[in-house]
């Protein structure tokens, strides 16, 4: 997996970024997720938990 980012805008000298995670096809298929589904994220300790909404 890979974490990517891109600057979405700059406002009053502050840079705002968007982030996305590249997840391998095998994991997406195993989870049964489909493109454009809503996902929920939660931080537990030092882990990011992502679940289908």
C-alpha atoms as a PDB file:
ATOM      1  CA  UNK A   1       0.000   0.000   0.000  1.00  0.00           C
ATOM      2  CA  UNK A   2       1.086   3.554  -0.518  1.00  0.00           C
ATOM      3  CA  UNK A   3       0.038   6.918   0.944  1.00  0.00           C
ATOM      4  CA  UNK A   4      -0.104   9.746  -1.599  1.00  0.00           C
ATOM      5  CA  UNK A   5      -0.867  13.451  -1.253  1.00  0.00           C
ATOM      6  CA  UNK A   6      -1.506  16.468  -3.418  1.00  0.00           C
ATOM      7  CA  UNK A   7      -1.829  20.152  -2.596  1.00  0.00           C
ATOM      8  CA  UNK A   8      -5.478  21.064  -3.114  1.00  0.00           C
ATOM      9  CA  UNK A   9      -5.139  24.794  -2.441  1.00  0.00           C
ATOM     10  CA  UNK A  10      -3.203  27.510  -0.657  1.00  0.00           C
ATOM     11  CA  UNK A  11      -4.938  30.183   1.393  1.00  0.00           C
ATOM     12  CA  UNK A  12      -3.298  33.005   3.331  1.00  0.00           C
ATOM     13  CA  UNK A  13       0.060  31.271   3.145  1.00  0.00           C
ATOM     14  CA  UNK A  14      -1.275  27.918   4.429  1.00  0.00           C
ATOM     15  CA  UNK A  15      -1.159  24.819   2.227  1.00  0.00           C
ATOM     16  CA  UNK A  16      -4.086  22.369   2.305  1.00  0.00           C
ATOM     17  CA  UNK A  17      -3.510  18.802   1.109  1.00  0.00           C
ATOM     18  CA  UNK A  18      -5.663  15.866   0.077  1.00  0.00           C
ATOM     19  CA  UNK A  19      -4.475  12.353   0.875  1.00  0.00           C
ATOM     20  CA  UNK A  20      -5.372   8.970  -0.545  1.00  0.00           C
ATOM     21  CA  UNK A  21      -4.253   5.395   0.043  1.00  0.00           C
ATOM     22  CA  UNK A  22      -3.567   2.953  -2.778  1.00  0.00           C
ATOM     23  CA  UNK A  23      -4.983  -0.452  -1.754  1.00  0.00           C
ATOM     24  CA  UNK A  24      -4.106  -3.569  -3.784  1.00  0.00           C
ATOM     25  CA  UNK A  25      -6.912  -5.149  -5.865  1.00  0.00           C
ATOM     26  CA  UNK A  26      -6.594  -8.453  -3.975  1.00  0.00           C
ATOM     27  CA  UNK A  27      -7.536  -6.765  -0.689  1.00  0.00           C
ATOM     28  CA  UNK A  28     -10.450  -4.847  -2.229  1.00  0.00           C
ATOM     29  CA  UNK A  29     -11.832  -8.047  -3.789  1.00  0.00           C
ATOM     30  CA  UNK A  30     -11.416  -9.969  -0.517  1.00  0.00           C
ATOM     31  CA  UNK A  31     -13.376  -7.247   1.320  1.00  0.00           C
ATOM     32  CA  UNK A  32     -16.059  -7.103  -1.376  1.00  0.00           C
ATOM     33  CA  UNK A  33     -15.675  -3.316  -1.705  1.00  0.00           C
ATOM     34  CA  UNK A  34     -16.740  -1.514  -4.869  1.00  0.00           C
ATOM     35  CA  UNK A  35     -15.666   1.790  -6.402  1.00  0.00           C
ATOM     36  CA  UNK A  36     -17.397   4.883  -4.952  1.00  0.00           C
ATOM     37  CA  UNK A  37     -18.643   3.150  -1.783  1.00  0.00           C
ATOM     38  CA  UNK A  38     -18.607   5.326   1.332  1.00  0.00           C
ATOM     39  CA  UNK A  39     -16.019   4.335   3.913  1.00  0.00           C
ATOM     40  CA  UNK A  40     -15.569   5.313   7.564  1.00  0.00           C
ATOM     41  CA  UNK A  41     -12.190   5.825   9.198  1.00  0.00           C
ATOM     42  CA  UNK A  42     -11.249   5.650  12.878  1.00  0.00           C
ATOM     43  CA  UNK A  43      -7.908   5.989  14.645  1.00  0.00           C
ATOM     44  CA  UNK A  44      -7.204   3.446  17.398  1.00  0.00           C
ATOM     45  CA  UNK A  45      -3.818   4.011  18.985  1.00  0.00           C
ATOM     46  CA  UNK A  46      -1.405   4.217  16.056  1.00  0.00           C
ATOM     47  CA  UNK A  47      -3.667   2.359  13.604  1.00  0.00           C
ATOM     48  CA  UNK A  48      -6.173   3.580  11.038  1.00  0.00           C
ATOM     49  CA  UNK A  49      -9.271   1.355  10.841  1.00  0.00           C
ATOM     50  CA  UNK A  50     -11.257   1.695   7.588  1.00  0.00           C
ATOM     51  CA  UNK A  51     -14.714   0.109   7.293  1.00  0.00           C
ATOM     52  CA  UNK A  52     -17.579   0.235   4.822  1.00  0.00           C
ATOM     53  CA  UNK A  53     -20.168   2.846   5.890  1.00  0.00           C
END
